[in-house]
C-alpha atoms as a PDB file:
ATOM      1  CA  MET A   1      55.054 -19.796  11.816  1.00  0.00           C
ATOM      2  CA  ASP A   2      53.118 -16.799  10.620  1.00  0.00           C
ATOM      3  CA  LYS A   3      53.927 -13.114  11.114  1.00  0.00           C
ATOM      4  CA  LYS A   4      51.305 -12.563  13.839  1.00  0.00           C
ATOM      5  CA  TYR A   5      52.763 -15.309  15.978  1.00  0.00           C
ATOM      6  CA  PHE A   6      56.299 -14.121  15.225  1.00  0.00           C
ATOM      7  CA  ASP A   7      55.462 -10.548  16.261  1.00  0.00           C
ATOM      8  CA  ARG A   8      54.104 -11.772  19.618  1.00  0.00           C
ATOM      9  CA  LEU A   9      57.401 -13.465  20.463  1.00  0.00           C
ATOM     10  CA  PRO A  10      59.891 -11.597  22.658  1.00  0.00           C
ATOM     11  CA  LYS A  11      62.709  -9.933  20.745  1.00  0.00           C
ATOM     12  CA  GLU A  12      65.210 -12.537  21.982  1.00  0.00           C
ATOM     13  CA  HIS A  13      63.117 -15.375  20.552  1.00  0.00           C
ATOM     14  CA  GLN A  14      62.541 -13.483  17.326  1.00  0.00           C
ATOM     15  CA  TRP A  15      66.299 -13.169  16.920  1.00  0.00           C
ATOM     16  CA  ILE A  16      66.734 -16.921  17.517  1.00  0.00           C
ATOM     17  CA  VAL A  17      64.186 -17.722  14.792  1.00  0.00           C
ATOM     18  CA  VAL A  18      65.718 -15.246  12.333  1.00  0.00           C
ATOM     19  CA  LYS A  19      69.239 -16.473  13.121  1.00  0.00           C
ATOM     20  CA  GLU A  20      68.186 -20.064  12.442  1.00  0.00           C
ATOM     21  CA  HIS A  21      66.801 -19.132   9.036  1.00  0.00           C
ATOM     22  CA  LEU A  22      69.850 -17.017   8.218  1.00  0.00           C
ATOM     23  CA  ASP A  23      72.107 -19.936   9.130  1.00  0.00           C
ATOM     24  CA  MET A  24      70.129 -22.229   6.823  1.00  0.00           C
ATOM     25  CA  LEU A  25      70.320 -19.639   4.046  1.00  0.00           C
ATOM     26  CA  GLN A  26      74.072 -19.244   4.505  1.00  0.00           C
ATOM     27  CA  SER A  27      74.539 -23.011   4.480  1.00  0.00           C
ATOM     28  CA  THR A  28      72.536 -23.279   1.279  1.00  0.00           C
ATOM     29  CA  VAL A  29      74.544 -20.566  -0.467  1.00  0.00           C
ATOM     30  CA  ARG A  30      77.819 -22.184   0.610  1.00  0.00           C
ATOM     31  CA  SER A  31      76.641 -25.531  -0.708  1.00  0.00           C
ATOM     32  CA  ARG A  32      75.760 -24.002  -4.055  1.00  0.00           C
ATOM     33  CA  MET A  33      79.170 -22.383  -4.229  1.00  0.00           C
ATOM     34  CA  ALA A  34      80.769 -25.775  -3.543  1.00  0.00           C
ATOM     35  CA  LEU A  35      79.480 -26.954  -6.918  1.00  0.00           C
ATOM     36  CA  LEU A  36      82.148 -24.987  -8.788  1.00  0.00           C
ATOM     37  CA  PRO A  37      85.116 -26.931  -7.359  1.00  0.00           C
ATOM     38  CA  LEU A  38      83.185 -30.133  -7.874  1.00  0.00           C
ATOM     39  CA  MET A  39      82.742 -29.335 -11.555  1.00  0.00           C
ATOM     40  CA  ALA A  40      86.430 -28.471 -11.840  1.00  0.00           C
ATOM     41  CA  GLY A  41      87.317 -31.808 -10.251  1.00  0.00           C
ATOM     42  CA  LEU A  42      85.127 -33.619 -12.721  1.00  0.00           C
ATOM     43  CA  ALA A  43      86.782 -31.798 -15.608  1.00  0.00           C
ATOM     44  CA  ALA A  44      90.191 -32.809 -14.272  1.00  0.00           C
ATOM     45  CA  THR A  45      89.014 -36.405 -14.042  1.00  0.00           C
ATOM     46  CA  LEU A  46      87.960 -36.240 -17.673  1.00  0.00           C
ATOM     47  CA  LEU A  47      91.425 -35.053 -18.607  1.00  0.00           C
ATOM     48  CA  VAL A  48      92.958 -37.987 -16.767  1.00  0.00           C
ATOM     49  CA  ILE A  49      90.651 -40.394 -18.570  1.00  0.00           C
ATOM     50  CA  ALA A  50      91.565 -38.795 -21.898  1.00  0.00           C
ATOM     51  CA  THR A  51      95.290 -39.247 -21.273  1.00  0.00           C
ATOM     52  CA  PHE A  52      95.157 -42.939 -20.390  1.00  0.00           C
ATOM     53  CA  ASN A  53      97.697 -45.045 -22.158  1.00  0.00           C
ATOM     54  CA  SER A  54      95.987 -47.335 -24.658  1.00  0.00           C
ATOM     55  CA  ASN A  55      98.265 -50.164 -23.482  1.00  0.00           C
ATOM     56  CA  LEU A  56      96.727 -49.957 -20.003  1.00  0.00           C
ATOM     57  CA  ILE A  57      93.081 -49.880 -21.099  1.00  0.00           C
ATOM     58  CA  PRO A  58      92.331 -50.669 -24.706  1.00  0.00           C
ATOM     59  CA  LEU A  59      89.700 -48.233 -25.917  1.00  0.00           C
ATOM     60  CA  ASP A  60      87.347 -50.686 -27.549  1.00  0.00           C
ATOM     61  CA  ASN A  61      83.652 -49.965 -28.081  1.00  0.00           C
ATOM     62  CA  LEU A  62      82.580 -51.371 -24.721  1.00  0.00           C
ATOM     63  CA  VAL A  63      84.948 -49.085 -22.786  1.00  0.00           C
ATOM     64  CA  ARG A  64      83.871 -46.092 -24.862  1.00  0.00           C
ATOM     65  CA  PHE A  65      80.209 -46.926 -24.187  1.00  0.00           C
ATOM     66  CA  LEU A  66      80.798 -47.274 -20.436  1.00  0.00           C
ATOM     67  CA  VAL A  67      82.735 -44.005 -20.224  1.00  0.00           C
ATOM     68  CA  SER A  68      80.061 -42.225 -22.269  1.00  0.00           C
ATOM     69  CA  ALA A  69      77.267 -43.604 -20.090  1.00  0.00           C
ATOM     70  CA  LEU A  70      79.055 -42.557 -16.910  1.00  0.00           C
ATOM     71  CA  LEU A  71      79.740 -39.092 -18.312  1.00  0.00           C
ATOM     72  CA  LEU A  72      76.076 -38.706 -19.221  1.00  0.00           C
ATOM     73  CA  LEU A  73      75.034 -39.683 -15.695  1.00  0.00           C
ATOM     74  CA  ILE A  74      77.220 -37.032 -14.015  1.00  0.00           C
ATOM     75  CA  PRO A  75      75.124 -33.907 -14.796  1.00  0.00           C
ATOM     76  CA  THR A  76      71.781 -35.376 -13.680  1.00  0.00           C
ATOM     77  CA  PRO A  77      72.453 -35.582  -9.915  1.00  0.00           C
ATOM     78  CA  LEU A  78      74.332 -32.287 -10.032  1.00  0.00           C
ATOM     79  CA  TYR A  79      71.350 -30.585 -11.628  1.00  0.00           C
ATOM     80  CA  LEU A  80      68.926 -32.133  -9.126  1.00  0.00           C
ATOM     81  CA  TYR A  81      71.207 -31.203  -6.211  1.00  0.00           C
ATOM     82  CA  ASN A  82      71.534 -27.618  -7.429  1.00  0.00           C
ATOM     83  CA  ASP A  83      67.778 -27.367  -8.005  1.00  0.00           C
ATOM     84  CA  ASP A  84      67.064 -28.639  -4.482  1.00  0.00           C
ATOM     85  CA  LEU A  85      69.500 -26.122  -2.989  1.00  0.00           C
ATOM     86  CA  LYS A  86      67.882 -23.315  -4.974  1.00  0.00           C
ATOM     87  CA  LYS A  87      64.399 -24.283  -3.755  1.00  0.00           C
ATOM     88  CA  THR A  88      65.652 -24.423  -0.160  1.00  0.00           C
ATOM     89  CA  ALA A  89      67.215 -20.980  -0.467  1.00  0.00           C
ATOM     90  CA  MET A  90      63.988 -19.560  -1.899  1.00  0.00           C
ATOM     91  CA  ARG A  91      61.900 -21.153   0.886  1.00  0.00           C
ATOM     92  CA  ASN A  92      64.202 -19.668   3.522  1.00  0.00           C
ATOM     93  CA  LYS A  93      64.075 -16.267   1.830  1.00  0.00           C
ATOM     94  CA  ASP A  94      60.273 -16.406   1.697  1.00  0.00           C
ATOM     95  CA  THR A  95      60.048 -17.446   5.355  1.00  0.00           C
ATOM     96  CA  LEU A  96      62.352 -14.624   6.410  1.00  0.00           C
ATOM     97  CA  GLY A  97      60.287 -12.233   4.313  1.00  0.00           C
ATOM     98  CA  LYS A  98      57.084 -13.351   6.017  1.00  0.00           C
ATOM     99  CA  LEU A  99      58.580 -13.080   9.498  1.00  0.00           C
ATOM    100  CA  THR A 100      60.392  -9.768   9.166  1.00  0.00           C
ATOM    101  CA  GLY A 101      58.302  -8.073   6.503  1.00  0.00           C
ATOM    102  CA  GLU A 102      59.228  -7.648   2.886  1.00  0.00           C
ATOM    103  CA  VAL A 103      62.552  -5.874   2.475  1.00  0.00           C
ATOM    104  CA  GLU A 104      63.894  -4.772  -0.894  1.00  0.00           C
ATOM    105  CA  LEU A 105      67.607  -5.394  -1.317  1.00  0.00           C
ATOM    106  CA  SER A 106      69.550  -3.326  -3.803  1.00  0.00           C
END
């Protein structure tokens, strides 16, 4: 939807379009903020793994390799997820800027 078409809409419909984009933006920001507790949970999980009793799971080379591989795989989806959320937030911001005109926020 371009600005010319948006300007021709009645004010009630304009508000519905803007509200939809604001809701998407708010959802995106909340999702990005949810990454912090997720990272804290992962750190806690690492502490639990570090305190395992060696009688329960002997820490031979295979177990160390598996734990290392799993730990290396954790940041990749988190980075991709965060990057996707950032792109979505920027798209919504750009769309709102096109529809309502550029507004400088302080």
